[in-house]
Amino acid sequence: MTDPVVVGVDGSPSSLDAVEVAAREAALRGTGLRLVHAFGWPSIHVPPGGPPWNPAMAGVRELVDGTLIKAEQRARQAEPHVEIIREVTVGEPLMVLEIESRTASLVVVGSRGLGAFGSLLLGSTAVHLAAHGRCPVLVVRGTPKPAGPVLLAVDGSPAGEAAVEFAFSEAALRGAGLLAVHVWNTWSERAYEGPGDPLNMVVDIERLREEEQRLLDETLSEWEKRCPGVAVERRLVRSRIRPALLEASRDAQVVVAGARGRGGFTGMLLGSVSQALLHHAHCPVTVVRGKD
């Protein structure tokens, strides 16, 4: 059996949605599912006299067991035949799930847990794992279109190669098409399309467009040969990057993006585009880190 799919469980509605998605991902991969509850999450309300580092204390064990039983029931409803392991671990959830990611094929989390403030669009666990996870991290959010494609955000960077590989694999597993979108623009996020565009005055726009098309083609060509069963649609868009990808996510099953692209500062673990997708995409988002 390959490395398991790991899902973080804290009893929140968001985490239970993540459990259902994780069960389906495990079934697609033919692997097991690990339900991981990190004891000490802010969501745990410890009874008087029960220190949070001792899950054997009266009342706390029942609370944890009840959370995992409910999660397992949700997983079995989605995929009855997936092998499930329940794991209760002492430690902060961020560190626990990061460690779990070292031996997982995929880590799945909800977009918000019980500890998230009401005004936050995305919980700290999801952001941290997307930046630090050692395997692809799937954040469950939005409403996926079951018949839609896997949406790949193409930036042509070396760090993004792992995301391309993952997107082709995911499309093959799901029996879905792959929509590869490469968005290019001027030197800023302000997009001009008319003759007054300053860029038109200093460069050959058509030549620049050809260069961007070549980058898109070269990024995909090798993987199209390796995965001939995946139907690929290439889409070159001149626009602001983040709004264009967010709009494309409306009709997708899942978005796949690298952790950081060509425009990221050195040392930045999570770029602005991947952060925008995590916060605002209309469907689940998988962030794939490149090789360190």
Protein backbone atom coordinates (compact mmCIF):
# COMPACT_ATOMS: atom_id res chain seq x y z
CA MET A 1 0.00 0.00 0.00
CA THR A 2 1.24 3.48 -0.82
CA ASP A 3 1.61 6.27 1.73
CA PRO A 4 -1.73 7.08 3.39
CA VAL A 5 -3.92 10.11 3.02
CA VAL A 6 -3.90 12.05 6.30
CA VAL A 7 -6.74 14.29 7.42
CA GLY A 8 -6.76 16.61 10.41
CA VAL A 9 -9.83 16.19 12.62
CA ASP A 10 -11.01 18.64 15.27
CA GLY A 11 -14.77 18.03 15.22
CA SER A 12 -15.64 21.21 13.32
CA PRO A 13 -18.02 21.05 10.34
CA SER A 14 -15.11 22.09 8.12
CA SER A 15 -12.95 19.19 9.31
CA LEU A 16 -15.78 16.70 8.78
CA ASP A 17 -16.12 17.94 5.20
CA ALA A 18 -12.36 17.39 4.89
CA VAL A 19 -12.75 13.82 6.18
CA GLU A 20 -15.25 13.05 3.42
CA VAL A 21 -12.96 14.46 0.74
CA ALA A 22 -9.95 12.66 2.22
CA ALA A 23 -11.79 9.33 2.16
CA ARG A 24 -12.48 9.76 -1.56
CA GLU A 25 -8.86 10.73 -2.21
CA ALA A 26 -7.67 7.62 -0.36
CA ALA A 27 -10.02 5.44 -2.41
CA LEU A 28 -8.74 6.96 -5.65
CA ARG A 29 -5.16 6.19 -4.62
CA GLY A 30 -5.92 2.71 -3.29
CA THR A 31 -4.40 3.59 0.08
CA GLY A 32 -5.44 3.96 3.71
CA LEU A 33 -6.86 6.96 5.54
CA ARG A 34 -5.40 8.31 8.79
CA LEU A 35 -7.73 10.38 10.96
CA VAL A 36 -5.41 12.51 13.09
CA HIS A 37 -6.55 14.43 16.14
CA ALA A 38 -3.83 16.51 17.78
CA PHE A 39 -4.68 16.72 21.45
CA GLY A 40 -4.31 20.27 22.63
CA TRP A 41 -6.12 22.00 19.74
CA PRO A 42 -7.68 25.26 20.93
CA SER A 43 -11.10 23.76 20.23
CA ILE A 44 -10.82 21.29 23.12
CA HIS A 45 -12.74 22.36 26.22
CA VAL A 46 -11.04 20.46 29.03
CA PRO A 47 -13.22 19.58 32.05
CA PRO A 48 -12.13 21.05 35.40
CA GLY A 49 -9.18 19.15 36.79
CA GLY A 50 -8.25 17.65 33.42
CA PRO A 51 -4.95 19.03 32.07
CA PRO A 52 -4.92 19.25 28.25
CA TRP A 53 -1.78 17.14 27.89
CA ASN A 54 -3.38 14.03 29.43
CA PRO A 55 -6.04 12.55 27.13
CA ALA A 56 -6.69 9.74 29.63
CA MET A 57 -8.33 12.15 32.11
CA ALA A 58 -12.01 11.54 32.78
CA GLY A 59 -14.24 13.27 30.26
CA VAL A 60 -11.49 14.23 27.84
CA ARG A 61 -10.96 10.75 26.43
CA GLU A 62 -14.69 10.45 25.78
CA LEU A 63 -14.66 13.80 24.02
CA VAL A 64 -11.74 12.84 21.76
CA ASP A 65 -13.16 9.39 21.03
CA GLY A 66 -16.51 10.91 20.14
CA THR A 67 -14.86 13.32 17.72
CA LEU A 68 -12.98 10.53 15.94
CA ILE A 69 -15.98 8.17 15.90
CA LYS A 70 -18.05 10.83 14.19
CA ALA A 71 -15.23 11.44 11.70
CA GLU A 72 -14.89 7.73 10.95
CA GLN A 73 -18.63 7.43 10.37
CA ARG A 74 -18.44 10.31 7.89
CA ALA A 75 -15.52 8.64 6.10
CA ARG A 76 -17.28 5.28 5.85
CA GLN A 77 -20.39 6.92 4.46
CA ALA A 78 -18.26 8.35 1.68
CA GLU A 79 -16.05 5.30 1.05
CA PRO A 80 -17.10 2.14 2.94
CA HIS A 81 -14.10 0.05 1.88
CA VAL A 82 -11.23 2.39 2.75
CA GLU A 83 -8.95 1.19 5.54
CA ILE A 84 -9.11 3.73 8.38
CA ILE A 85 -6.67 4.32 11.21
CA ARG A 86 -7.52 6.68 14.07
CA GLU A 87 -4.63 8.53 15.67
CA VAL A 88 -4.68 10.71 18.79
CA THR A 89 -1.42 12.59 19.27
CA VAL A 90 -0.25 14.93 22.00
CA GLY A 91 1.00 18.17 20.50
CA GLU A 92 0.11 21.32 18.64
CA PRO A 93 -1.86 20.53 15.46
CA LEU A 94 0.44 22.52 13.18
CA MET A 95 3.52 20.57 14.21
CA VAL A 96 1.70 17.22 14.38
CA LEU A 97 0.28 17.50 10.86
CA GLU A 98 3.57 18.78 9.48
CA ILE A 99 5.26 15.67 10.87
CA GLU A 100 2.47 13.49 9.47
CA SER A 101 3.03 15.05 6.04
CA ARG A 102 6.51 13.51 5.88
CA THR A 103 5.05 10.03 5.40
CA ALA A 104 1.76 10.88 3.66
CA SER A 105 0.78 10.99 0.01
CA LEU A 106 -1.61 13.85 0.73
CA VAL A 107 -2.73 15.86 3.76
CA VAL A 108 -6.30 17.15 3.78
CA VAL A 109 -7.59 19.89 6.09
CA GLY A 110 -10.69 22.01 6.32
CA SER A 111 -10.48 25.68 5.55
CA ARG A 112 -11.39 26.63 9.12
CA GLY A 113 -11.32 24.77 12.42
CA LEU A 114 -13.01 25.36 15.75
CA GLY A 115 -10.18 27.65 16.78
CA ALA A 116 -10.58 30.10 13.89
CA PHE A 117 -11.87 33.57 14.63
CA GLY A 118 -15.21 34.33 13.03
CA SER A 119 -13.75 37.00 10.77
CA LEU A 120 -11.04 34.76 9.29
CA LEU A 121 -11.57 33.26 5.85
CA LEU A 122 -8.90 30.63 6.38
CA GLY A 123 -7.59 28.95 9.49
CA SER A 124 -3.94 29.11 10.55
CA THR A 125 -3.52 25.33 10.24
CA ALA A 126 -4.36 25.37 6.53
CA VAL A 127 -2.02 28.28 5.79
CA HIS A 128 0.85 26.81 7.79
CA LEU A 129 0.60 23.39 6.19
CA ALA A 130 0.38 24.82 2.69
CA ALA A 131 3.67 26.59 3.34
CA HIS A 132 5.48 23.88 5.30
CA GLY A 133 3.92 20.52 4.42
CA ARG A 134 6.28 17.91 2.99
CA CYS A 135 3.60 16.50 0.68
CA PRO A 136 0.75 18.10 -1.28
CA VAL A 137 -1.83 19.78 0.97
CA LEU A 138 -5.50 19.83 -0.01
CA VAL A 139 -7.58 22.55 1.64
CA VAL A 140 -11.31 21.85 1.39
CA ARG A 141 -13.28 24.97 0.59
CA GLY A 142 -15.93 26.23 -1.81
CA THR A 143 -18.21 24.06 -3.91
CA PRO A 144 -16.46 21.77 -6.42
CA LYS A 145 -18.04 20.97 -9.77
CA PRO A 146 -18.01 17.14 -9.98
CA ALA A 147 -18.01 17.17 -13.78
CA GLY A 148 -15.47 19.98 -14.01
CA PRO A 149 -11.76 19.74 -14.82
CA VAL A 150 -8.73 19.78 -12.58
CA LEU A 151 -7.51 23.37 -12.83
CA LEU A 152 -3.73 23.80 -12.97
CA ALA A 153 -2.21 27.22 -12.37
CA VAL A 154 0.84 27.27 -14.67
CA ASP A 155 3.63 29.71 -13.92
CA GLY A 156 6.56 28.00 -15.66
CA SER A 157 8.80 28.15 -12.60
CA PRO A 158 11.06 25.24 -11.58
CA ALA A 159 9.27 25.19 -8.23
CA GLY A 160 5.97 24.68 -10.07
CA GLU A 161 7.05 21.45 -11.79
CA ALA A 162 5.85 19.35 -8.85
CA ALA A 163 2.40 20.95 -9.15
CA VAL A 164 2.23 20.05 -12.85
CA GLU A 165 3.08 16.43 -12.09
CA PHE A 166 0.49 16.29 -9.30
CA ALA A 167 -2.23 17.87 -11.46
CA PHE A 168 -1.78 15.32 -14.25
CA SER A 169 -1.85 12.49 -11.71
CA GLU A 170 -4.96 13.87 -10.04
CA ALA A 171 -6.77 14.28 -13.35
CA ALA A 172 -5.90 10.69 -14.29
CA LEU A 173 -7.13 9.37 -10.94
CA ARG A 174 -10.40 11.28 -11.21
CA GLY A 175 -10.95 10.51 -14.89
CA ALA A 176 -11.23 14.26 -15.43
CA GLY A 177 -9.87 16.71 -17.94
CA LEU A 178 -7.06 19.09 -17.11
CA LEU A 179 -7.47 22.82 -17.66
CA ALA A 180 -4.01 24.41 -17.66
CA VAL A 181 -4.25 28.18 -17.25
CA HIS A 182 -1.26 30.47 -17.66
CA VAL A 183 -1.98 34.10 -16.88
CA TRP A 184 0.40 36.79 -18.02
CA ASN A 185 0.24 40.54 -17.68
CA THR A 186 2.32 43.70 -17.65
CA TRP A 187 4.86 44.59 -14.97
CA SER A 188 2.11 45.06 -12.40
CA GLU A 189 -1.26 43.58 -11.52
CA ARG A 190 -2.96 46.47 -13.33
CA ALA A 191 -4.06 45.12 -16.71
CA TYR A 192 -4.25 47.27 -19.84
CA GLU A 193 -5.79 46.00 -23.04
CA GLY A 194 -6.03 49.06 -25.25
CA PRO A 195 -3.59 50.97 -27.46
CA GLY A 196 -2.74 53.17 -24.48
CA ASP A 197 -1.15 50.29 -22.65
CA PRO A 198 2.36 51.51 -21.72
CA LEU A 199 3.75 48.08 -22.50
CA ASN A 200 2.57 48.39 -26.10
CA MET A 201 4.84 51.40 -26.50
CA VAL A 202 8.07 49.67 -25.48
CA VAL A 203 7.75 45.99 -26.44
CA ASP A 204 6.25 43.81 -29.13
CA ILE A 205 3.08 42.48 -27.47
CA GLU A 206 2.61 39.69 -29.99
CA ARG A 207 6.15 38.49 -29.48
CA LEU A 208 5.63 38.56 -25.73
CA ARG A 209 2.41 36.61 -26.13
CA GLU A 210 4.26 34.01 -28.22
CA GLU A 211 6.88 33.68 -25.49
CA GLU A 212 4.20 33.08 -22.88
CA GLN A 213 2.49 30.53 -25.12
CA ARG A 214 5.82 28.75 -25.57
CA LEU A 215 6.28 28.64 -21.80
CA LEU A 216 2.84 27.08 -21.39
CA ASP A 217 3.46 24.52 -24.14
CA GLU A 218 6.88 23.52 -22.82
CA THR A 219 5.53 23.14 -19.28
CA LEU A 220 2.87 20.68 -20.41
CA SER A 221 4.38 18.80 -23.35
CA GLU A 222 6.39 16.20 -21.42
CA TRP A 223 3.53 15.33 -19.10
CA GLU A 224 1.08 15.08 -21.97
CA LYS A 225 3.33 12.36 -23.41
CA ARG A 226 3.50 10.56 -20.07
CA CYS A 227 -0.26 10.78 -19.46
CA PRO A 228 -1.86 10.39 -22.91
CA GLY A 229 -5.22 9.51 -21.34
CA VAL A 230 -5.62 12.97 -19.79
CA ALA A 231 -7.46 15.45 -22.01
CA VAL A 232 -5.68 18.80 -21.69
CA GLU A 233 -7.07 22.23 -22.47
CA ARG A 234 -4.48 24.99 -22.63
CA ARG A 235 -5.63 28.50 -21.85
CA LEU A 236 -3.41 31.57 -22.17
CA VAL A 237 -4.94 34.62 -20.52
CA ARG A 238 -3.67 38.17 -20.43
CA SER A 239 -5.15 39.55 -17.27
CA ARG A 240 -4.54 40.11 -13.60
CA ILE A 241 -3.33 36.78 -12.28
CA ARG A 242 -5.34 36.25 -9.12
CA PRO A 243 -8.79 37.32 -10.42
CA ALA A 244 -8.34 35.23 -13.57
CA LEU A 245 -7.54 32.05 -11.61
CA LEU A 246 -10.30 32.66 -9.09
CA GLU A 247 -12.81 33.03 -11.93
CA ALA A 248 -11.58 29.83 -13.57
CA SER A 249 -12.02 27.97 -10.25
CA ARG A 250 -15.80 28.43 -10.46
CA ASP A 251 -16.12 25.49 -12.84
CA ALA A 252 -13.36 23.21 -11.50
CA GLN A 253 -13.27 20.13 -9.29
CA VAL A 254 -10.06 21.24 -7.64
CA VAL A 255 -7.31 23.80 -8.19
CA VAL A 256 -3.66 22.74 -8.15
CA ALA A 257 -0.97 25.38 -7.65
CA GLY A 258 2.67 25.55 -6.65
CA ALA A 259 3.46 27.07 -3.28
CA ARG A 260 5.27 29.97 -4.92
CA GLY A 261 5.88 31.04 -8.49
CA ARG A 262 8.28 33.14 -10.50
CA GLY A 263 7.30 36.36 -8.78
CA GLY A 264 7.91 35.26 -5.19
CA PHE A 265 10.65 36.75 -3.07
CA THR A 266 13.58 34.50 -2.20
CA GLY A 267 12.81 32.61 0.99
CA MET A 268 9.06 33.07 0.67
CA LEU A 269 7.36 29.73 1.33
CA LEU A 270 3.87 30.68 0.15
CA GLY A 271 3.31 33.13 -2.69
CA SER A 272 0.54 35.67 -3.08
CA VAL A 273 -1.24 33.70 -5.82
CA SER A 274 -1.45 30.49 -3.82
CA GLN A 275 -2.57 32.47 -0.77
CA ALA A 276 -5.31 34.15 -2.80
CA LEU A 277 -6.52 30.76 -4.03
CA LEU A 278 -6.53 29.34 -0.50
CA HIS A 279 -8.61 32.24 0.75
CA HIS A 280 -10.98 32.86 -2.15
CA ALA A 281 -11.14 29.96 -4.65
CA HIS A 282 -14.60 28.59 -5.44
CA CYS A 283 -13.48 24.97 -5.04
CA PRO A 284 -10.90 22.98 -3.04
CA VAL A 285 -7.26 23.93 -3.50
CA THR A 286 -4.17 21.70 -3.49
CA VAL A 287 -0.85 23.44 -2.87
CA VAL A 288 2.22 21.51 -3.97
CA ARG A 289 5.65 22.57 -2.78
CA GLY A 290 8.61 22.18 -5.09
CA LYS A 291 11.72 20.28 -4.08
CA ASP A 292 13.73 22.00 -1.37
